[in-house]
Amino acid sequence: MSLRLSPELHQRLQECAARLKIKRHTLAQNAIEAAIEAIEKNGYRLPLPMQFRFSNEPGSEVARYPKGHEELSHVEERGPTYTVKRRKTG
C-alpha cells in the first residue's frame, strides 16, 4: 500500500517522527491503527475532521512540553521479531 501525502503533511510527519526518534512508517502505521480502533469503538461512524485526544491533554488545548522539556522525547521502537532461515550449502 502506498500513501500520497501533501508536501506539508509529509514535512509534518517527518518532523514528528524525528522528534519522537522513530521511523516515519512506524508513526504512520500507529496513527492508522489508532484511527481504525477509534472508528471501531465509535460503531463504525467517522466524524470528520478526525481528532485525537491524549490523556494528559487538558480540555481542547494542544498538548505542549512542560518548560525545560522541549528537547526530543525518547521512544523505543520495537519491530516484529524475525527469524532467519539458513540455507544449506554443501
PDB file of N, CA and C in Angstrom:
ATOM      1  N   MET A   1       0.844  -1.175   0.000  1.00  0.00           N
ATOM      2  CA  MET A   1       0.000   0.000   0.000  1.00  0.00           C
ATOM      3  C   MET A   1       0.886   1.233   0.000  1.00  0.00           C
ATOM      4  N   SER A   2       0.515   2.214  -0.775  1.00  0.00           N
ATOM      5  CA  SER A   2       1.236   3.482  -0.833  1.00  0.00           C
ATOM      6  C   SER A   2       0.285   4.593  -0.446  1.00  0.00           C
ATOM      7  N   LEU A   3       0.817   5.624   0.154  1.00  0.00           N
ATOM      8  CA  LEU A   3       0.010   6.795   0.503  1.00  0.00           C
ATOM      9  C   LEU A   3       0.611   8.020  -0.156  1.00  0.00           C
ATOM     10  N   ARG A   4      -0.235   8.855  -0.693  1.00  0.00           N
ATOM     11  CA  ARG A   4       0.217  10.125  -1.238  1.00  0.00           C
ATOM     12  C   ARG A   4      -0.099  11.198  -0.201  1.00  0.00           C
ATOM     13  N   LEU A   5       0.929  11.898   0.212  1.00  0.00           N
ATOM     14  CA  LEU A   5       0.770  12.959   1.195  1.00  0.00           C
ATOM     15  C   LEU A   5       1.134  14.289   0.556  1.00  0.00           C
ATOM     16  N   SER A   6       0.439  15.323   0.986  1.00  0.00           N
ATOM     17  CA  SER A   6       0.812  16.654   0.514  1.00  0.00           C
ATOM     18  C   SER A   6       2.206  16.965   1.056  1.00  0.00           C
ATOM     19  N   PRO A   7       2.948  17.843   0.386  1.00  0.00           N
ATOM     20  CA  PRO A   7       4.286  18.185   0.887  1.00  0.00           C
ATOM     21  C   PRO A   7       4.257  18.681   2.335  1.00  0.00           C
ATOM     22  N   GLU A   8       3.228  19.453   2.689  1.00  0.00           N
ATOM     23  CA  GLU A   8       3.121  19.966   4.060  1.00  0.00           C
ATOM     24  C   GLU A   8       2.929  18.827   5.063  1.00  0.00           C
ATOM     25  N   LEU A   9       2.029  17.892   4.756  1.00  0.00           N
ATOM     26  CA  LEU A   9       1.778  16.769   5.655  1.00  0.00           C
ATOM     27  C   LEU A   9       3.000  15.865   5.744  1.00  0.00           C
ATOM     28  N   HIS A  10       3.674  15.663   4.632  1.00  0.00           N
ATOM     29  CA  HIS A  10       4.899  14.857   4.626  1.00  0.00           C
ATOM     30  C   HIS A  10       5.948  15.485   5.545  1.00  0.00           C
ATOM     31  N   GLN A  11       6.096  16.804   5.486  1.00  0.00           N
ATOM     32  CA  GLN A  11       7.058  17.503   6.336  1.00  0.00           C
ATOM     33  C   GLN A  11       6.676  17.378   7.807  1.00  0.00           C
ATOM     34  N   ARG A  12       5.385  17.498   8.106  1.00  0.00           N
ATOM     35  CA  ARG A  12       4.930  17.371   9.491  1.00  0.00           C
ATOM     36  C   ARG A  12       5.175  15.970  10.023  1.00  0.00           C
ATOM     37  N   LEU A  13       4.895  14.960   9.193  1.00  0.00           N
ATOM     38  CA  LEU A  13       5.151  13.571   9.568  1.00  0.00           C
ATOM     39  C   LEU A  13       6.625  13.358   9.846  1.00  0.00           C
ATOM     40  N   GLN A  14       7.463  13.892   8.972  1.00  0.00           N
ATOM     41  CA  GLN A  14       8.910  13.755   9.135  1.00  0.00           C
ATOM     42  C   GLN A  14       9.382  14.429  10.421  1.00  0.00           C
ATOM     43  N   GLU A  15       8.869  15.614  10.721  1.00  0.00           N
ATOM     44  CA  GLU A  15       9.262  16.337  11.934  1.00  0.00           C
ATOM     45  C   GLU A  15       8.813  15.600  13.198  1.00  0.00           C
ATOM     46  N   CYS A  16       7.567  15.110  13.188  1.00  0.00           N
ATOM     47  CA  CYS A  16       7.074  14.362  14.356  1.00  0.00           C
ATOM     48  C   CYS A  16       7.900  13.106  14.583  1.00  0.00           C
ATOM     49  N   ALA A  17       8.184  12.371  13.526  1.00  0.00           N
ATOM     50  CA  ALA A  17       8.971  11.143  13.649  1.00  0.00           C
ATOM     51  C   ALA A  17      10.371  11.457  14.177  1.00  0.00           C
ATOM     52  N   ALA A  18      10.963  12.541  13.700  1.00  0.00           N
ATOM     53  CA  ALA A  18      12.299  12.914  14.169  1.00  0.00           C
ATOM     54  C   ALA A  18      12.276  13.282  15.647  1.00  0.00           C
ATOM     55  N   ARG A  19      11.260  14.038  16.064  1.00  0.00           N
ATOM     56  CA  ARG A  19      11.173  14.437  17.479  1.00  0.00           C
ATOM     57  C   ARG A  19      10.950  13.231  18.382  1.00  0.00           C
ATOM     58  N   LEU A  20      10.212  12.235  17.891  1.00  0.00           N
ATOM     59  CA  LEU A  20       9.957  11.020  18.670  1.00  0.00           C
ATOM     60  C   LEU A  20      11.061   9.983  18.518  1.00  0.00           C
ATOM     61  N   LYS A  21      11.970  10.231  17.582  1.00  0.00           N
ATOM     62  CA  LYS A  21      13.068   9.314  17.287  1.00  0.00           C
ATOM     63  C   LYS A  21      12.561   7.943  16.861  1.00  0.00           C
ATOM     64  N   ILE A  22      11.586   7.972  15.962  1.00  0.00           N
ATOM     65  CA  ILE A  22      11.084   6.743  15.362  1.00  0.00           C
ATOM     66  C   ILE A  22      11.022   6.953  13.853  1.00  0.00           C
ATOM     67  N   LYS A  23      10.815   5.887  13.118  1.00  0.00           N
ATOM     68  CA  LYS A  23      10.734   5.989  11.670  1.00  0.00           C
ATOM     69  C   LYS A  23       9.357   6.506  11.261  1.00  0.00           C
ATOM     70  N   ARG A  24       9.329   7.180  10.109  1.00  0.00           N
ATOM     71  CA  ARG A  24       8.058   7.740   9.620  1.00  0.00           C
ATOM     72  C   ARG A  24       7.008   6.664   9.443  1.00  0.00           C
ATOM     73  N   HIS A  25       7.393   5.514   8.877  1.00  0.00           N
ATOM     74  CA  HIS A  25       6.392   4.470   8.631  1.00  0.00           C
ATOM     75  C   HIS A  25       5.840   3.923   9.947  1.00  0.00           C
ATOM     76  N   THR A  26       6.647   3.905  11.000  1.00  0.00           N
ATOM     77  CA  THR A  26       6.175   3.433  12.301  1.00  0.00           C
ATOM     78  C   THR A  26       5.142   4.397  12.866  1.00  0.00           C
ATOM     79  N   LEU A  27       5.418   5.682  12.752  1.00  0.00           N
ATOM     80  CA  LEU A  27       4.464   6.685  13.220  1.00  0.00           C
ATOM     81  C   LEU A  27       3.171   6.614  12.415  1.00  0.00           C
ATOM     82  N   ALA A  28       3.278   6.523  11.095  1.00  0.00           N
ATOM     83  CA  ALA A  28       2.093   6.446  10.244  1.00  0.00           C
ATOM     84  C   ALA A  28       1.282   5.192  10.543  1.00  0.00           C
ATOM     85  N   GLN A  29       1.957   4.055  10.704  1.00  0.00           N
ATOM     86  CA  GLN A  29       1.256   2.805  10.994  1.00  0.00           C
ATOM     87  C   GLN A  29       0.508   2.895  12.320  1.00  0.00           C
ATOM     88  N   ASN A  30       1.149   3.448  13.347  1.00  0.00           N
ATOM     89  CA  ASN A  30       0.494   3.575  14.645  1.00  0.00           C
ATOM     90  C   ASN A  30      -0.680   4.545  14.590  1.00  0.00           C
ATOM     91  N   ALA A  31      -0.554   5.615  13.817  1.00  0.00           N
ATOM     92  CA  ALA A  31      -1.656   6.568  13.674  1.00  0.00           C
ATOM     93  C   ALA A  31      -2.841   5.911  12.968  1.00  0.00           C
ATOM     94  N   ILE A  32      -2.569   5.119  11.935  1.00  0.00           N
ATOM     95  CA  ILE A  32      -3.646   4.425  11.216  1.00  0.00           C
ATOM     96  C   ILE A  32      -4.316   3.412  12.128  1.00  0.00           C
ATOM     97  N   GLU A  33      -3.528   2.665  12.893  1.00  0.00           N
ATOM     98  CA  GLU A  33      -4.102   1.687  13.833  1.00  0.00           C
ATOM     99  C   GLU A  33      -4.977   2.376  14.870  1.00  0.00           C
ATOM    100  N   ALA A  34      -4.534   3.520  15.398  1.00  0.00           N
ATOM    101  CA  ALA A  34      -5.317   4.259  16.388  1.00  0.00           C
ATOM    102  C   ALA A  34      -6.618   4.773  15.773  1.00  0.00           C
ATOM    103  N   ALA A  35      -6.554   5.237  14.527  1.00  0.00           N
ATOM    104  CA  ALA A  35      -7.754   5.733  13.854  1.00  0.00           C
ATOM    105  C   ALA A  35      -8.755   4.600  13.638  1.00  0.00           C
ATOM    106  N   ILE A  36      -8.276   3.451  13.194  1.00  0.00           N
ATOM    107  CA  ILE A  36      -9.169   2.307  12.961  1.00  0.00           C
ATOM    108  C   ILE A  36      -9.814   1.865  14.273  1.00  0.00           C
ATOM    109  N   GLU A  37      -9.030   1.815  15.331  1.00  0.00           N
ATOM    110  CA  GLU A  37      -9.573   1.425  16.634  1.00  0.00           C
ATOM    111  C   GLU A  37     -10.640   2.415  17.096  1.00  0.00           C
ATOM    112  N   ALA A  38     -10.393   3.702  16.916  1.00  0.00           N
ATOM    113  CA  ALA A  38     -11.368   4.721  17.312  1.00  0.00           C
ATOM    114  C   ALA A  38     -12.653   4.597  16.490  1.00  0.00           C
ATOM    115  N   ILE A  39     -12.528   4.325  15.200  1.00  0.00           N
ATOM    116  CA  ILE A  39     -13.703   4.157  14.336  1.00  0.00           C
ATOM    117  C   ILE A  39     -14.500   2.930  14.763  1.00  0.00           C
ATOM    118  N   GLU A  40     -13.806   1.828  15.066  1.00  0.00           N
ATOM    119  CA  GLU A  40     -14.497   0.610  15.518  1.00  0.00           C
ATOM    120  C   GLU A  40     -15.248   0.858  16.822  1.00  0.00           C
ATOM    121  N   LYS A  41     -14.596   1.559  17.770  1.00  0.00           N
ATOM    122  CA  LYS A  41     -15.245   1.839  19.061  1.00  0.00           C
ATOM    123  C   LYS A  41     -16.418   2.791  18.903  1.00  0.00           C
ATOM    124  N   ASN A  42     -16.424   3.569  17.824  1.00  0.00           N
ATOM    125  CA  ASN A  42     -17.488   4.538  17.585  1.00  0.00           C
ATOM    126  C   ASN A  42     -18.592   3.946  16.704  1.00  0.00           C
ATOM    127  N   GLY A  43     -18.682   2.623  16.650  1.00  0.00           N
ATOM    128  CA  GLY A  43     -19.736   1.976  15.875  1.00  0.00           C
ATOM    129  C   GLY A  43     -19.586   2.166  14.380  1.00  0.00           C
ATOM    130  N   TYR A  44     -18.351   2.262  13.921  1.00  0.00           N
ATOM    131  CA  TYR A  44     -18.035   2.445  12.502  1.00  0.00           C
ATOM    132  C   TYR A  44     -18.633   3.729  11.931  1.00  0.00           C
ATOM    133  N   ARG A  45     -18.719   4.741  12.786  1.00  0.00           N
ATOM    134  CA  ARG A  45     -19.100   6.076  12.332  1.00  0.00           C
ATOM    135  C   ARG A  45     -17.832   6.921  12.323  1.00  0.00           C
ATOM    136  N   LEU A  46     -17.704   7.776  11.328  1.00  0.00           N
ATOM    137  CA  LEU A  46     -16.483   8.554  11.158  1.00  0.00           C
ATOM    138  C   LEU A  46     -16.795  10.038  11.175  1.00  0.00           C
ATOM    139  N   PRO A  47     -16.566  10.701  12.316  1.00  0.00           N
ATOM    140  CA  PRO A  47     -16.757  12.150  12.347  1.00  0.00           C
ATOM    141  C   PRO A  47     -15.540  12.828  11.711  1.00  0.00           C
ATOM    142  N   LEU A  48     -15.793  13.773  10.836  1.00  0.00           N
ATOM    143  CA  LEU A  48     -14.689  14.493  10.182  1.00  0.00           C
ATOM    144  C   LEU A  48     -14.721  15.950  10.591  1.00  0.00           C
ATOM    145  N   PRO A  49     -13.611  16.579  10.820  1.00  0.00           N
ATOM    146  CA  PRO A  49     -12.265  16.010  10.792  1.00  0.00           C
ATOM    147  C   PRO A  49     -12.019  15.163  12.036  1.00  0.00           C
ATOM    148  N   MET A  50     -11.202  14.132  11.867  1.00  0.00           N
ATOM    149  CA  MET A  50     -10.865  13.260  12.990  1.00  0.00           C
ATOM    150  C   MET A  50      -9.954  14.012  13.951  1.00  0.00           C
ATOM    151  N   GLN A  51     -10.132  13.755  15.234  1.00  0.00           N
ATOM    152  CA  GLN A  51      -9.283  14.383  16.236  1.00  0.00           C
ATOM    153  C   GLN A  51      -8.868  13.339  17.260  1.00  0.00           C
ATOM    154  N   PHE A  52      -7.616  13.428  17.692  1.00  0.00           N
ATOM    155  CA  PHE A  52      -7.104  12.551  18.739  1.00  0.00           C
ATOM    156  C   PHE A  52      -7.008  13.361  20.023  1.00  0.00           C
ATOM    157  N   ARG A  53      -7.346  12.727  21.131  1.00  0.00           N
ATOM    158  CA  ARG A  53      -7.204  13.382  22.423  1.00  0.00           C
ATOM    159  C   ARG A  53      -6.339  12.485  23.295  1.00  0.00           C
ATOM    160  N   PHE A  54      -5.348  13.078  23.933  1.00  0.00           N
ATOM    161  CA  PHE A  54      -4.436  12.328  24.783  1.00  0.00           C
ATOM    162  C   PHE A  54      -4.830  12.503  26.235  1.00  0.00           C
ATOM    163  N   SER A  55      -4.518  11.495  27.053  1.00  0.00           N
ATOM    164  CA  SER A  55      -4.940  11.511  28.457  1.00  0.00           C
ATOM    165  C   SER A  55      -4.341  12.676  29.236  1.00  0.00           C
ATOM    166  N   ASN A  56      -3.159  13.160  28.836  1.00  0.00           N
ATOM    167  CA  ASN A  56      -2.536  14.263  29.568  1.00  0.00           C
ATOM    168  C   ASN A  56      -2.903  15.620  28.973  1.00  0.00           C
ATOM    169  N   GLU A  57      -3.832  15.644  28.040  1.00  0.00           N
ATOM    170  CA  GLU A  57      -4.207  16.865  27.344  1.00  0.00           C
ATOM    171  C   GLU A  57      -5.379  17.531  28.059  1.00  0.00           C
ATOM    172  N   PRO A  58      -5.195  18.754  28.558  1.00  0.00           N
ATOM    173  CA  PRO A  58      -6.286  19.434  29.249  1.00  0.00           C
ATOM    174  C   PRO A  58      -7.290  20.012  28.257  1.00  0.00           C
ATOM    175  N   GLY A  59      -8.556  19.646  28.394  1.00  0.00           N
ATOM    176  CA  GLY A  59      -9.616  20.206  27.561  1.00  0.00           C
ATOM    177  C   GLY A  59      -9.348  20.071  26.084  1.00  0.00           C
ATOM    178  N   SER A  60      -9.446  21.175  25.369  1.00  0.00           N
ATOM    179  CA  SER A  60      -9.251  21.142  23.926  1.00  0.00           C
ATOM    180  C   SER A  60      -7.946  21.803  23.507  1.00  0.00           C
ATOM    181  N   GLU A  61      -7.086  22.119  24.471  1.00  0.00           N
ATOM    182  CA  GLU A  61      -5.814  22.749  24.129  1.00  0.00           C
ATOM    183  C   GLU A  61      -4.873  21.745  23.490  1.00  0.00           C
ATOM    184  N   VAL A  62      -3.930  22.245  22.727  1.00  0.00           N
ATOM    185  CA  VAL A  62      -2.908  21.404  22.131  1.00  0.00           C
ATOM    186  C   VAL A  62      -1.886  21.063  23.206  1.00  0.00           C
ATOM    187  N   ALA A  63      -1.516  19.795  23.295  1.00  0.00           N
ATOM    188  CA  ALA A  63      -0.546  19.365  24.301  1.00  0.00           C
ATOM    189  C   ALA A  63       0.814  19.987  23.996  1.00  0.00           C
ATOM    190  N   ARG A  64       1.464  20.512  24.995  1.00  0.00           N
ATOM    191  CA  ARG A  64       2.779  21.120  24.857  1.00  0.00           C
ATOM    192  C   ARG A  64       3.725  20.481  25.862  1.00  0.00           C
ATOM    193  N   TYR A  65       5.021  20.526  25.537  1.00  0.00           N
ATOM    194  CA  TYR A  65       6.018  20.067  26.501  1.00  0.00           C
ATOM    195  C   TYR A  65       6.070  21.052  27.658  1.00  0.00           C
ATOM    196  N   PRO A  66       6.282  20.567  28.893  1.00  0.00           N
ATOM    197  CA  PRO A  66       6.487  21.495  30.004  1.00  0.00           C
ATOM    198  C   PRO A  66       7.761  22.296  29.762  1.00  0.00           C
ATOM    199  N   LYS A  67       7.840  23.491  30.338  1.00  0.00           N
ATOM    200  CA  LYS A  67       9.029  24.315  30.154  1.00  0.00           C
ATOM    201  C   LYS A  67      10.259  23.553  30.618  1.00  0.00           C
ATOM    202  N   GLY A  68      11.318  23.655  29.840  1.00  0.00           N
ATOM    203  CA  GLY A  68      12.555  22.957  30.155  1.00  0.00           C
ATOM    204  C   GLY A  68      12.608  21.547  29.615  1.00  0.00           C
ATOM    205  N   HIS A  69      11.513  21.061  29.025  1.00  0.00           N
ATOM    206  CA  HIS A  69      11.469  19.706  28.485  1.00  0.00           C
ATOM    207  C   HIS A  69      11.169  19.704  26.993  1.00  0.00           C
ATOM    208  N   GLU A  70      11.561  20.759  26.300  1.00  0.00           N
ATOM    209  CA  GLU A  70      11.253  20.860  24.883  1.00  0.00           C
ATOM    210  C   GLU A  70      12.153  20.006  24.009  1.00  0.00           C
ATOM    211  N   GLU A  71      13.180  19.393  24.585  1.00  0.00           N
ATOM    212  CA  GLU A  71      14.073  18.577  23.766  1.00  0.00           C
ATOM    213  C   GLU A  71      13.338  17.346  23.246  1.00  0.00           C
ATOM    214  N   LEU A  72      13.968  16.655  22.357  1.00  0.00           N
ATOM    215  CA  LEU A  72      13.345  15.489  21.732  1.00  0.00           C
ATOM    216  C   LEU A  72      13.001  14.436  22.776  1.00  0.00           C
ATOM    217  N   SER A  73      11.836  13.825  22.610  1.00  0.00           N
ATOM    218  CA  SER A  73      11.451  12.740  23.513  1.00  0.00           C
ATOM    219  C   SER A  73      12.061  11.440  23.016  1.00  0.00           C
ATOM    220  N   HIS A  74      12.067  10.435  23.857  1.00  0.00           N
ATOM    221  CA  HIS A  74      12.671   9.151  23.518  1.00  0.00           C
ATOM    222  C   HIS A  74      11.589   8.085  23.471  1.00  0.00           C
ATOM    223  N   VAL A  75      11.463   7.463  22.352  1.00  0.00           N
ATOM    224  CA  VAL A  75      10.507   6.368  22.188  1.00  0.00           C
ATOM    225  C   VAL A  75      11.298   5.172  21.697  1.00  0.00           C
ATOM    226  N   GLU A  76      11.097   4.056  22.330  1.00  0.00           N
ATOM    227  CA  GLU A  76      11.804   2.852  21.919  1.00  0.00           C
ATOM    228  C   GLU A  76      10.990   2.151  20.861  1.00  0.00           C
ATOM    229  N   GLU A  77      11.599   1.935  19.710  1.00  0.00           N
ATOM    230  CA  GLU A  77      10.916   1.284  18.608  1.00  0.00           C
ATOM    231  C   GLU A  77      11.257  -0.197  18.624  1.00  0.00           C
ATOM    232  N   ARG A  78      10.241  -1.000  18.635  1.00  0.00           N
ATOM    233  CA  ARG A  78      10.431  -2.453  18.581  1.00  0.00           C
ATOM    234  C   ARG A  78       9.669  -2.987  17.394  1.00  0.00           C
ATOM    235  N   GLY A  79      10.392  -3.503  16.459  1.00  0.00           N
ATOM    236  CA  GLY A  79       9.754  -4.094  15.286  1.00  0.00           C
ATOM    237  C   GLY A  79       9.384  -5.532  15.572  1.00  0.00           C
ATOM    238  N   PRO A  80       8.742  -6.189  14.610  1.00  0.00           N
ATOM    239  CA  PRO A  80       8.393  -7.595  14.803  1.00  0.00           C
ATOM    240  C   PRO A  80       9.641  -8.459  14.871  1.00  0.00           C
ATOM    241  N   THR A  81       9.537  -9.558  15.568  1.00  0.00           N
ATOM    242  CA  THR A  81      10.654 -10.478  15.688  1.00  0.00           C
ATOM    243  C   THR A  81      10.745 -11.305  14.419  1.00  0.00           C
ATOM    244  N   TYR A  82      11.912 -11.329  13.837  1.00  0.00           N
ATOM    245  CA  TYR A  82      12.120 -12.091  12.611  1.00  0.00           C
ATOM    246  C   TYR A  82      13.093 -13.221  12.885  1.00  0.00           C
ATOM    247  N   THR A  83      12.869 -14.346  12.227  1.00  0.00           N
ATOM    248  CA  THR A  83      13.824 -15.438  12.304  1.00  0.00           C
ATOM    249  C   THR A  83      14.458 -15.589  10.940  1.00  0.00           C
ATOM    250  N   VAL A  84      15.714 -15.909  10.937  1.00  0.00           N
ATOM    251  CA  VAL A  84      16.444 -16.060   9.686  1.00  0.00           C
ATOM    252  C   VAL A  84      16.680 -17.529   9.462  1.00  0.00           C
ATOM    253  N   LYS A  85      16.239 -18.030   8.317  1.00  0.00           N
ATOM    254  CA  LYS A  85      16.488 -19.426   7.981  1.00  0.00           C
ATOM    255  C   LYS A  85      17.772 -19.502   7.180  1.00  0.00           C
ATOM    256  N   ARG A  86      18.657 -20.317   7.602  1.00  0.00           N
ATOM    257  CA  ARG A  86      19.938 -20.504   6.902  1.00  0.00           C
ATOM    258  C   ARG A  86      19.757 -21.524   5.801  1.00  0.00           C
ATOM    259  N   ARG A  87      20.343 -21.220   4.651  1.00  0.00           N
ATOM    260  CA  ARG A  87      20.303 -22.174   3.542  1.00  0.00           C
ATOM    261  C   ARG A  87      21.387 -23.217   3.731  1.00  0.00           C
ATOM    262  N   LYS A  88      21.029 -24.429   3.404  1.00  0.00           N
ATOM    263  CA  LYS A  88      22.024 -25.492   3.471  1.00  0.00           C
ATOM    264  C   LYS A  88      22.959 -25.351   2.279  1.00  0.00           C
ATOM    265  N   THR A  89      24.215 -25.288   2.552  1.00  0.00           N
ATOM    266  CA  THR A  89      25.208 -25.200   1.478  1.00  0.00           C
ATOM    267  C   THR A  89      26.092 -26.439   1.583  1.00  0.00           C
ATOM    268  N   GLY A  90      26.191 -27.137   0.531  1.00  0.00           N
ATOM    269  CA  GLY A  90      27.104 -28.273   0.610  1.00  0.00           C
ATOM    270  C   GLY A  90      26.624 -29.494   0.020  1.00  0.00           C
TER     271      GLY A  90
END
